[in-house]
Amino acid sequence: MAPLTTALKEWSIAVEALLSGDLILLLRKGGLREKAGRFQAQVGDRALLMPTLEHQKPHWLKPPWRDRVDSPAAAQPASHAITLGGWAEITHLHALTDAPQVHQLTPHHIWTSQWAQERMAWQPDRPIYLLLLRVYRLPVPQTVPNHPSYGGCRSWVGLQTALSSKDSTPVLSDQVYGDRVQTVIKHLS
């Protein structure tokens, strides 16, 4: 498998949920500093999961995730190093343009309905993207130095050093992941 040179920035608590298997989806519109000004992704994209505290707010999370963000450790300023525990491959990608579709996904993610409504309302002419992610744990978490190019409101980050995904293990079995994907997709109908 080719080394990974790209990371997908996401709230630290969401990365935790992805790596634990409690979450298989992300809802993204992208950040202000996205390439070409819009969120871009495609099925088959692979990226390390880069935890960030940028924009992570407890009131936008459902319990028990909210309580985990309130901890003193979650309030720490950005570190000089970032630990990457896993990576993901986008298996499904859907552009969602209406609020009822997004609302139907509420049981399948960690965010509040208010957060989803606010995301839909921000730049309402743009869709919110549903990414279904097959997540893998690295055999050993990798720590990389933080770099100025990793900061800011963006989804995709080009890493300064490529990392191997060799010997990674899937967080969920093929069967469990497939079943959960089908459940999410049914909610889009």
Foldseek 3Di string as FASTA:
>chain_A
DDFAFKEFEDAQLQLVCVLLVLAFKDKAFWFCPEVVRTDDDDAFDKHFYWHDLVPDALVFWDPPSSVVCPDPVNVDDDDQKTKTFWMKGFHDKDFDQDLQLVVLCVVRDGTDSVVVVVRCVVVVVGTIMMTGIFMWTAPDIDMDGDDPQPDDGGGMGGHPDTGDRPPIGTSDDPVVSVVVVVVSVVSND
